[in-house]
């Protein structure tokens, strides 16, 4: 029996934030991940009292917030720095503290393969400063896997002087975008994994496609075993972006994960 908690990204339920809490509790998960990079729940739009009320509702449902979902995807386009996105990331750190979570998952764009490239060095400098800022506040940014090989991500993280950046391992992204084995990625990134997404998918003739858990190319028994072997004890947070019936899709994912964990 494996000792992981199951969570769900509330966006995957495709309903309003409060109804999503009701559904998450009904599904029997232990936590939720909340997207805070757009709409009413961004740091600048989400007022302090609203944050407190939301957190109380989360706790009343017997849930915790496993992570926030932010985005630095376009912060380093064309070898420039979008300072507003960097400032937004800093505001998200304060929001994470208010919502009692220590993890913010994020995309940062594609890390260049060559450390000598100017864009690599710009990313390195800016994210080192942001990592230090987050670490001092007790928060870690977790870079989502997929846009580059796991080894490239590891070497980039190795180059940062602070532990403020870590990894959100998404096995489907590695399969769909890189054709990479998520099991090997677990061992490559073992010192950095603080959060994971439970998602499945396949590469196709026209690119890639997301599938329900257990129906894609992710070998979940081996993948979960690898996470257990490296000592990971955090969340398997369901992300389901495809499908026509969101609640049923997530419900299937919860049932699949519970079956895997109880083997």
C-alpha atoms as a PDB file:
ATOM      1  CA  UNK A   1       0.000   0.000   0.000  1.00  0.00           C
ATOM      2  CA  UNK A   2       1.411   3.378  -1.053  1.00  0.00           C
ATOM      3  CA  UNK A   3       1.174   6.455   1.128  1.00  0.00           C
ATOM      4  CA  UNK A   4       0.251   9.367  -1.126  1.00  0.00           C
ATOM      5  CA  UNK A   5      -2.551  11.910  -0.789  1.00  0.00           C
ATOM      6  CA  UNK A   6      -4.930  12.473  -3.696  1.00  0.00           C
ATOM      7  CA  UNK A   7      -5.905  15.958  -4.797  1.00  0.00           C
ATOM      8  CA  UNK A   8      -7.590  17.682  -7.708  1.00  0.00           C
ATOM      9  CA  UNK A   9      -7.018  20.940  -9.543  1.00  0.00           C
ATOM     10  CA  UNK A  10     -10.294  22.764  -9.054  1.00  0.00           C
ATOM     11  CA  UNK A  11     -10.160  24.016 -12.670  1.00  0.00           C
ATOM     12  CA  UNK A  12     -10.515  20.386 -13.800  1.00  0.00           C
ATOM     13  CA  UNK A  13     -14.024  20.315 -12.327  1.00  0.00           C
ATOM     14  CA  UNK A  14     -14.990  23.248 -14.558  1.00  0.00           C
ATOM     15  CA  UNK A  15     -17.422  24.834 -12.131  1.00  0.00           C
ATOM     16  CA  UNK A  16     -17.418  27.817  -9.781  1.00  0.00           C
ATOM     17  CA  UNK A  17     -14.840  27.809  -6.952  1.00  0.00           C
ATOM     18  CA  UNK A  18     -17.277  27.110  -4.100  1.00  0.00           C
ATOM     19  CA  UNK A  19     -19.101  24.320  -5.910  1.00  0.00           C
ATOM     20  CA  UNK A  20     -15.689  22.841  -6.731  1.00  0.00           C
ATOM     21  CA  UNK A  21     -15.037  22.522  -2.985  1.00  0.00           C
ATOM     22  CA  UNK A  22     -18.321  20.642  -2.548  1.00  0.00           C
ATOM     23  CA  UNK A  23     -17.407  18.306  -5.407  1.00  0.00           C
ATOM     24  CA  UNK A  24     -13.855  17.725  -4.182  1.00  0.00           C
ATOM     25  CA  UNK A  25     -15.137  16.741  -0.745  1.00  0.00           C
ATOM     26  CA  UNK A  26     -17.733  14.441  -2.318  1.00  0.00           C
ATOM     27  CA  UNK A  27     -15.003  12.767  -4.377  1.00  0.00           C
ATOM     28  CA  UNK A  28     -13.140  11.893  -1.190  1.00  0.00           C
ATOM     29  CA  UNK A  29      -9.860  13.597  -2.049  1.00  0.00           C
ATOM     30  CA  UNK A  30      -7.629  15.134   0.584  1.00  0.00           C
ATOM     31  CA  UNK A  31      -6.644  18.367  -1.128  1.00  0.00           C
ATOM     32  CA  UNK A  32      -7.092  20.837  -3.951  1.00  0.00           C
ATOM     33  CA  UNK A  33      -4.836  22.913  -6.152  1.00  0.00           C
ATOM     34  CA  UNK A  34      -6.094  26.402  -6.958  1.00  0.00           C
ATOM     35  CA  UNK A  35      -5.244  28.425 -10.081  1.00  0.00           C
ATOM     36  CA  UNK A  36      -4.421  32.029  -9.204  1.00  0.00           C
ATOM     37  CA  UNK A  37      -2.973  33.500 -12.391  1.00  0.00           C
ATOM     38  CA  UNK A  38      -6.221  34.708 -13.960  1.00  0.00           C
ATOM     39  CA  UNK A  39      -9.648  36.018 -13.007  1.00  0.00           C
ATOM     40  CA  UNK A  40     -10.960  36.902  -9.563  1.00  0.00           C
ATOM     41  CA  UNK A  41      -8.476  34.744  -7.668  1.00  0.00           C
ATOM     42  CA  UNK A  42      -5.304  36.524  -8.759  1.00  0.00           C
ATOM     43  CA  UNK A  43      -3.308  38.160  -5.949  1.00  0.00           C
ATOM     44  CA  UNK A  44      -4.353  41.657  -7.010  1.00  0.00           C
ATOM     45  CA  UNK A  45      -8.072  40.783  -7.219  1.00  0.00           C
ATOM     46  CA  UNK A  46      -8.424  38.458  -4.249  1.00  0.00           C
ATOM     47  CA  UNK A  47      -8.916  40.623  -1.176  1.00  0.00           C
ATOM     48  CA  UNK A  48      -7.592  39.571   2.268  1.00  0.00           C
ATOM     49  CA  UNK A  49     -11.022  38.884   3.757  1.00  0.00           C
ATOM     50  CA  UNK A  50     -12.025  36.838   0.697  1.00  0.00           C
ATOM     51  CA  UNK A  51      -8.882  34.748   1.127  1.00  0.00           C
ATOM     52  CA  UNK A  52      -9.676  34.098   4.781  1.00  0.00           C
ATOM     53  CA  UNK A  53     -13.258  33.125   3.969  1.00  0.00           C
ATOM     54  CA  UNK A  54     -12.146  30.769   1.212  1.00  0.00           C
ATOM     55  CA  UNK A  55      -9.551  29.097   3.431  1.00  0.00           C
ATOM     56  CA  UNK A  56     -12.176  28.575   6.122  1.00  0.00           C
ATOM     57  CA  UNK A  57     -14.444  26.917   3.558  1.00  0.00           C
ATOM     58  CA  UNK A  58     -11.590  24.676   2.399  1.00  0.00           C
ATOM     59  CA  UNK A  59     -10.970  23.548   5.975  1.00  0.00           C
ATOM     60  CA  UNK A  60     -14.698  23.136   6.656  1.00  0.00           C
ATOM     61  CA  UNK A  61     -14.752  20.656   3.757  1.00  0.00           C
ATOM     62  CA  UNK A  62     -11.932  18.681   5.362  1.00  0.00           C
ATOM     63  CA  UNK A  63      -9.492  19.697   2.646  1.00  0.00           C
ATOM     64  CA  UNK A  64      -6.087  21.357   2.399  1.00  0.00           C
ATOM     65  CA  UNK A  65      -4.589  23.385  -0.420  1.00  0.00           C
ATOM     66  CA  UNK A  66      -1.783  21.247  -1.817  1.00  0.00           C
ATOM     67  CA  UNK A  67      -0.469  24.036  -4.055  1.00  0.00           C
ATOM     68  CA  UNK A  68      -1.347  27.150  -5.995  1.00  0.00           C
ATOM     69  CA  UNK A  69      -0.985  27.250  -9.759  1.00  0.00           C
ATOM     70  CA  UNK A  70       0.777  30.344 -11.094  1.00  0.00           C
ATOM     71  CA  UNK A  71       2.490  31.042 -14.396  1.00  0.00           C
ATOM     72  CA  UNK A  72       5.797  32.507 -15.518  1.00  0.00           C
ATOM     73  CA  UNK A  73       5.457  31.006 -18.998  1.00  0.00           C
ATOM     74  CA  UNK A  74       6.027  34.237 -20.905  1.00  0.00           C
ATOM     75  CA  UNK A  75       8.308  35.968 -18.439  1.00  0.00           C
ATOM     76  CA  UNK A  76      11.395  35.453 -20.607  1.00  0.00           C
ATOM     77  CA  UNK A  77      10.119  35.689 -24.173  1.00  0.00           C
ATOM     78  CA  UNK A  78      12.593  36.960 -26.775  1.00  0.00           C
ATOM     79  CA  UNK A  79      15.476  37.316 -24.304  1.00  0.00           C
ATOM     80  CA  UNK A  80      13.678  39.997 -22.303  1.00  0.00           C
ATOM     81  CA  UNK A  81      12.179  39.964 -18.830  1.00  0.00           C
ATOM     82  CA  UNK A  82       8.502  40.670 -18.202  1.00  0.00           C
ATOM     83  CA  UNK A  83       8.911  42.418 -14.855  1.00  0.00           C
ATOM     84  CA  UNK A  84       5.149  42.424 -14.270  1.00  0.00           C
ATOM     85  CA  UNK A  85       5.106  38.608 -14.318  1.00  0.00           C
ATOM     86  CA  UNK A  86       8.015  38.543 -11.874  1.00  0.00           C
ATOM     87  CA  UNK A  87       6.169  40.994  -9.601  1.00  0.00           C
ATOM     88  CA  UNK A  88       3.025  38.876  -9.959  1.00  0.00           C
ATOM     89  CA  UNK A  89       4.995  35.813  -8.848  1.00  0.00           C
ATOM     90  CA  UNK A  90       6.142  37.685  -5.748  1.00  0.00           C
ATOM     91  CA  UNK A  91       2.564  38.662  -4.948  1.00  0.00           C
ATOM     92  CA  UNK A  92       1.601  35.009  -5.359  1.00  0.00           C
ATOM     93  CA  UNK A  93       4.107  34.089  -2.644  1.00  0.00           C
ATOM     94  CA  UNK A  94       2.183  36.297  -0.204  1.00  0.00           C
ATOM     95  CA  UNK A  95      -1.068  34.704  -1.369  1.00  0.00           C
ATOM     96  CA  UNK A  96       0.383  31.234  -0.735  1.00  0.00           C
ATOM     97  CA  UNK A  97       1.186  32.257   2.823  1.00  0.00           C
ATOM     98  CA  UNK A  98      -2.359  33.535   3.320  1.00  0.00           C
ATOM     99  CA  UNK A  99      -3.791  30.232   2.024  1.00  0.00           C
ATOM    100  CA  UNK A 100      -1.401  28.146   4.130  1.00  0.00           C
ATOM    101  CA  UNK A 101       0.361  26.351   1.306  1.00  0.00           C
ATOM    102  CA  UNK A 102       4.074  26.280   0.635  1.00  0.00           C
ATOM    103  CA  UNK A 103       4.021  25.345  -3.062  1.00  0.00           C
ATOM    104  CA  UNK A 104       3.294  27.316  -6.232  1.00  0.00           C
ATOM    105  CA  UNK A 105       3.438  25.240  -9.402  1.00  0.00           C
ATOM    106  CA  UNK A 106       4.409  27.104 -12.547  1.00  0.00           C
ATOM    107  CA  UNK A 107       5.541  26.891 -16.127  1.00  0.00           C
ATOM    108  CA  UNK A 108       8.564  29.061 -16.867  1.00  0.00           C
ATOM    109  CA  UNK A 109       8.827  28.589 -20.621  1.00  0.00           C
ATOM    110  CA  UNK A 110      11.372  26.314 -22.295  1.00  0.00           C
ATOM    111  CA  UNK A 111      14.816  26.132 -20.708  1.00  0.00           C
ATOM    112  CA  UNK A 112      17.461  26.279 -23.460  1.00  0.00           C
ATOM    113  CA  UNK A 113      19.678  23.227 -23.824  1.00  0.00           C
ATOM    114  CA  UNK A 114      22.828  25.353 -23.949  1.00  0.00           C
ATOM    115  CA  UNK A 115      23.722  27.202 -20.712  1.00  0.00           C
ATOM    116  CA  UNK A 116      25.757  29.654 -22.780  1.00  0.00           C
ATOM    117  CA  UNK A 117      22.635  31.055 -24.454  1.00  0.00           C
ATOM    118  CA  UNK A 118      21.684  34.523 -23.288  1.00  0.00           C
ATOM    119  CA  UNK A 119      18.106  33.475 -22.543  1.00  0.00           C
ATOM    120  CA  UNK A 120      19.367  30.697 -20.262  1.00  0.00           C
ATOM    121  CA  UNK A 121      21.489  33.168 -18.345  1.00  0.00           C
ATOM    122  CA  UNK A 122      18.625  35.667 -18.068  1.00  0.00           C
ATOM    123  CA  UNK A 123      16.335  32.957 -16.697  1.00  0.00           C
ATOM    124  CA  UNK A 124      19.069  31.835 -14.326  1.00  0.00           C
ATOM    125  CA  UNK A 125      19.607  35.318 -12.907  1.00  0.00           C
ATOM    126  CA  UNK A 126      15.941  36.279 -12.524  1.00  0.00           C
ATOM    127  CA  UNK A 127      14.810  32.955 -11.109  1.00  0.00           C
ATOM    128  CA  UNK A 128      17.712  32.833  -8.666  1.00  0.00           C
ATOM    129  CA  UNK A 129      16.489  36.127  -7.210  1.00  0.00           C
ATOM    130  CA  UNK A 130      12.875  34.929  -7.173  1.00  0.00           C
ATOM    131  CA  UNK A 131      13.921  31.633  -5.575  1.00  0.00           C
ATOM    132  CA  UNK A 132      15.667  33.473  -2.767  1.00  0.00           C
ATOM    133  CA  UNK A 133      12.599  35.681  -2.237  1.00  0.00           C
ATOM    134  CA  UNK A 134      10.262  32.663  -2.069  1.00  0.00           C
ATOM    135  CA  UNK A 135      12.548  30.586   0.138  1.00  0.00           C
ATOM    136  CA  UNK A 136      12.764  33.343   2.737  1.00  0.00           C
ATOM    137  CA  UNK A 137       8.953  33.385   2.831  1.00  0.00           C
ATOM    138  CA  UNK A 138       8.737  29.609   3.293  1.00  0.00           C
ATOM    139  CA  UNK A 139       7.417  28.975  -0.228  1.00  0.00           C
ATOM    140  CA  UNK A 140       8.788  27.011  -3.177  1.00  0.00           C
ATOM    141  CA  UNK A 141       8.000  27.438  -6.862  1.00  0.00           C
ATOM    142  CA  UNK A 142       7.623  24.011  -8.478  1.00  0.00           C
ATOM    143  CA  UNK A 143       8.461  24.020 -12.190  1.00  0.00           C
ATOM    144  CA  UNK A 144       6.175  21.733 -14.173  1.00  0.00           C
ATOM    145  CA  UNK A 145       7.915  19.084 -16.255  1.00  0.00           C
ATOM    146  CA  UNK A 146       7.439  18.690 -19.981  1.00  0.00           C
ATOM    147  CA  UNK A 147       8.845  21.510 -22.121  1.00  0.00           C
ATOM    148  CA  UNK A 148      12.424  20.204 -21.862  1.00  0.00           C
ATOM    149  CA  UNK A 149      14.093  16.882 -20.926  1.00  0.00           C
ATOM    150  CA  UNK A 150      14.223  16.076 -17.215  1.00  0.00           C
ATOM    151  CA  UNK A 151      18.027  16.177 -17.281  1.00  0.00           C
ATOM    152  CA  UNK A 152      17.993  19.738 -18.663  1.00  0.00           C
ATOM    153  CA  UNK A 153      15.610  20.818 -15.900  1.00  0.00           C
ATOM    154  CA  UNK A 154      17.784  19.159 -13.260  1.00  0.00           C
ATOM    155  CA  UNK A 155      20.940  20.899 -14.445  1.00  0.00           C
ATOM    156  CA  UNK A 156      19.133  24.250 -14.446  1.00  0.00           C
ATOM    157  CA  UNK A 157      17.878  23.724 -10.898  1.00  0.00           C
ATOM    158  CA  UNK A 158      21.347  22.597  -9.826  1.00  0.00           C
ATOM    159  CA  UNK A 159      22.652  25.963 -11.016  1.00  0.00           C
ATOM    160  CA  UNK A 160      20.346  28.019  -8.776  1.00  0.00           C
ATOM    161  CA  UNK A 161      21.834  29.064  -5.432  1.00  0.00           C
ATOM    162  CA  UNK A 162      18.573  28.715  -3.488  1.00  0.00           C
ATOM    163  CA  UNK A 163      16.088  25.901  -2.852  1.00  0.00           C
ATOM    164  CA  UNK A 164      13.195  28.215  -3.694  1.00  0.00           C
ATOM    165  CA  UNK A 165      12.612  26.405  -6.995  1.00  0.00           C
ATOM    166  CA  UNK A 166      11.666  22.725  -7.151  1.00  0.00           C
ATOM    167  CA  UNK A 167       9.655  20.403  -9.434  1.00  0.00           C
ATOM    168  CA  UNK A 168       6.008  19.633 -10.063  1.00  0.00           C
ATOM    169  CA  UNK A 169       6.288  16.327 -11.904  1.00  0.00           C
ATOM    170  CA  UNK A 170       3.637  15.854 -14.584  1.00  0.00           C
ATOM    171  CA  UNK A 171       4.173  12.391 -16.114  1.00  0.00           C
ATOM    172  CA  UNK A 172       1.815  12.950 -19.044  1.00  0.00           C
ATOM    173  CA  UNK A 173       3.635  16.099 -20.136  1.00  0.00           C
ATOM    174  CA  UNK A 174       6.897  14.155 -20.289  1.00  0.00           C
ATOM    175  CA  UNK A 175       5.257  11.471 -22.427  1.00  0.00           C
ATOM    176  CA  UNK A 176       3.285  13.807 -24.683  1.00  0.00           C
ATOM    177  CA  UNK A 177       5.819  16.606 -25.206  1.00  0.00           C
ATOM    178  CA  UNK A 178       9.188  14.856 -24.897  1.00  0.00           C
ATOM    179  CA  UNK A 179       8.501  11.158 -25.448  1.00  0.00           C
ATOM    180  CA  UNK A 180      10.332  10.641 -22.160  1.00  0.00           C
ATOM    181  CA  UNK A 181       9.886   7.898 -19.561  1.00  0.00           C
ATOM    182  CA  UNK A 182       8.355   9.457 -16.418  1.00  0.00           C
ATOM    183  CA  UNK A 183       9.863   6.706 -14.264  1.00  0.00           C
ATOM    184  CA  UNK A 184      13.379   7.696 -15.253  1.00  0.00           C
ATOM    185  CA  UNK A 185      12.439  11.341 -14.725  1.00  0.00           C
ATOM    186  CA  UNK A 186      11.462  10.547 -11.135  1.00  0.00           C
ATOM    187  CA  UNK A 187      14.972   9.299 -10.415  1.00  0.00           C
ATOM    188  CA  UNK A 188      16.610  12.145 -12.352  1.00  0.00           C
ATOM    189  CA  UNK A 189      14.652  14.806 -10.450  1.00  0.00           C
ATOM    190  CA  UNK A 190      14.329  12.970  -7.131  1.00  0.00           C
ATOM    191  CA  UNK A 191      15.953  15.732  -5.069  1.00  0.00           C
ATOM    192  CA  UNK A 192      13.528  18.356  -6.352  1.00  0.00           C
ATOM    193  CA  UNK A 193      10.037  16.805  -6.557  1.00  0.00           C
ATOM    194  CA  UNK A 194       7.626  18.496  -4.127  1.00  0.00           C
ATOM    195  CA  UNK A 195       4.307  18.063  -5.966  1.00  0.00           C
ATOM    196  CA  UNK A 196       2.929  15.957  -8.805  1.00  0.00           C
ATOM    197  CA  UNK A 197       0.078  15.998 -11.280  1.00  0.00           C
ATOM    198  CA  UNK A 198      -1.836  12.796 -11.983  1.00  0.00           C
ATOM    199  CA  UNK A 199      -2.433  12.945 -15.722  1.00  0.00           C
ATOM    200  CA  UNK A 200      -2.115  10.525 -18.637  1.00  0.00           C
ATOM    201  CA  UNK A 201      -1.569  10.897 -22.361  1.00  0.00           C
ATOM    202  CA  UNK A 202       0.038   9.644 -25.541  1.00  0.00           C
ATOM    203  CA  UNK A 203       2.030  10.974 -28.446  1.00  0.00           C
ATOM    204  CA  UNK A 204       0.056  10.823 -31.709  1.00  0.00           C
ATOM    205  CA  UNK A 205       0.724  11.244 -35.421  1.00  0.00           C
ATOM    206  CA  UNK A 206      -0.498  14.845 -35.156  1.00  0.00           C
ATOM    207  CA  UNK A 207       1.170  15.691 -31.850  1.00  0.00           C
ATOM    208  CA  UNK A 208      -0.256  14.413 -28.595  1.00  0.00           C
ATOM    209  CA  UNK A 209      -3.503  13.758 -26.758  1.00  0.00           C
ATOM    210  CA  UNK A 210      -4.595  13.515 -23.131  1.00  0.00           C
ATOM    211  CA  UNK A 211      -6.269  10.293 -21.983  1.00  0.00           C
ATOM    212  CA  UNK A 212      -8.089   9.173 -18.819  1.00  0.00           C
ATOM    213  CA  UNK A 213      -5.741   7.786 -16.168  1.00  0.00           C
ATOM    214  CA  UNK A 214      -4.677   4.258 -17.016  1.00  0.00           C
ATOM    215  CA  UNK A 215      -5.515   4.585 -20.718  1.00  0.00           C
ATOM    216  CA  UNK A 216      -2.500   6.571 -21.871  1.00  0.00           C
ATOM    217  CA  UNK A 217       1.203   5.746 -22.086  1.00  0.00           C
ATOM    218  CA  UNK A 218       2.093   6.510 -18.441  1.00  0.00           C
ATOM    219  CA  UNK A 219       2.930   3.260 -16.648  1.00  0.00           C
ATOM    220  CA  UNK A 220       1.323   4.220 -13.341  1.00  0.00           C
ATOM    221  CA  UNK A 221       2.312   1.113 -11.342  1.00  0.00           C
ATOM    222  CA  UNK A 222       5.994   1.686 -12.156  1.00  0.00           C
ATOM    223  CA  UNK A 223       5.664   5.456 -11.816  1.00  0.00           C
ATOM    224  CA  UNK A 224       4.054   5.320  -8.367  1.00  0.00           C
ATOM    225  CA  UNK A 225       6.556   2.713  -7.249  1.00  0.00           C
ATOM    226  CA  UNK A 226       9.388   5.033  -8.323  1.00  0.00           C
ATOM    227  CA  UNK A 227       7.900   7.952  -6.380  1.00  0.00           C
ATOM    228  CA  UNK A 228       7.669   5.716  -3.338  1.00  0.00           C
ATOM    229  CA  UNK A 229      11.270   4.555  -3.752  1.00  0.00           C
ATOM    230  CA  UNK A 230      12.651   8.099  -3.700  1.00  0.00           C
ATOM    231  CA  UNK A 231      10.699   8.862  -0.529  1.00  0.00           C
ATOM    232  CA  UNK A 232       8.076  11.165  -2.045  1.00  0.00           C
ATOM    233  CA  UNK A 233       5.049  11.391   0.253  1.00  0.00           C
ATOM    234  CA  UNK A 234       3.153  14.324  -1.196  1.00  0.00           C
ATOM    235  CA  UNK A 235       0.096  14.796  -3.401  1.00  0.00           C
ATOM    236  CA  UNK A 236      -0.993  13.115  -6.600  1.00  0.00           C
ATOM    237  CA  UNK A 237      -3.090  16.019  -7.875  1.00  0.00           C
ATOM    238  CA  UNK A 238      -5.477  15.127 -10.680  1.00  0.00           C
ATOM    239  CA  UNK A 239      -5.405  17.370 -13.730  1.00  0.00           C
ATOM    240  CA  UNK A 240      -7.976  16.584 -16.397  1.00  0.00           C
ATOM    241  CA  UNK A 241      -8.281  19.066 -19.249  1.00  0.00           C
ATOM    242  CA  UNK A 242     -10.069  16.852 -21.791  1.00  0.00           C
ATOM    243  CA  UNK A 243     -13.420  15.053 -21.701  1.00  0.00           C
ATOM    244  CA  UNK A 244     -17.022  16.230 -21.834  1.00  0.00           C
ATOM    245  CA  UNK A 245     -18.099  15.329 -18.276  1.00  0.00           C
ATOM    246  CA  UNK A 246     -15.623  16.924 -15.855  1.00  0.00           C
ATOM    247  CA  UNK A 247     -16.929  15.515 -12.582  1.00  0.00           C
ATOM    248  CA  UNK A 248     -17.170  11.988 -13.961  1.00  0.00           C
ATOM    249  CA  UNK A 249     -13.693  12.268 -15.517  1.00  0.00           C
ATOM    250  CA  UNK A 250     -12.177  13.312 -12.187  1.00  0.00           C
ATOM    251  CA  UNK A 251     -14.195  10.685 -10.339  1.00  0.00           C
ATOM    252  CA  UNK A 252     -12.722   8.023 -12.626  1.00  0.00           C
ATOM    253  CA  UNK A 253      -9.230   9.357 -11.908  1.00  0.00           C
ATOM    254  CA  UNK A 254      -9.810   9.252  -8.136  1.00  0.00           C
ATOM    255  CA  UNK A 255     -11.048   5.670  -8.318  1.00  0.00           C
ATOM    256  CA  UNK A 256      -8.097   4.659 -10.504  1.00  0.00           C
ATOM    257  CA  UNK A 257      -5.556   6.176  -8.116  1.00  0.00           C
ATOM    258  CA  UNK A 258      -7.185   4.594  -5.048  1.00  0.00           C
ATOM    259  CA  UNK A 259      -7.008   1.200  -6.750  1.00  0.00           C
ATOM    260  CA  UNK A 260      -3.322   1.722  -7.548  1.00  0.00           C
ATOM    261  CA  UNK A 261      -2.489   2.869  -4.017  1.00  0.00           C
ATOM    262  CA  UNK A 262      -4.252  -0.069  -2.401  1.00  0.00           C
ATOM    263  CA  UNK A 263      -2.459  -2.768  -4.397  1.00  0.00           C
END
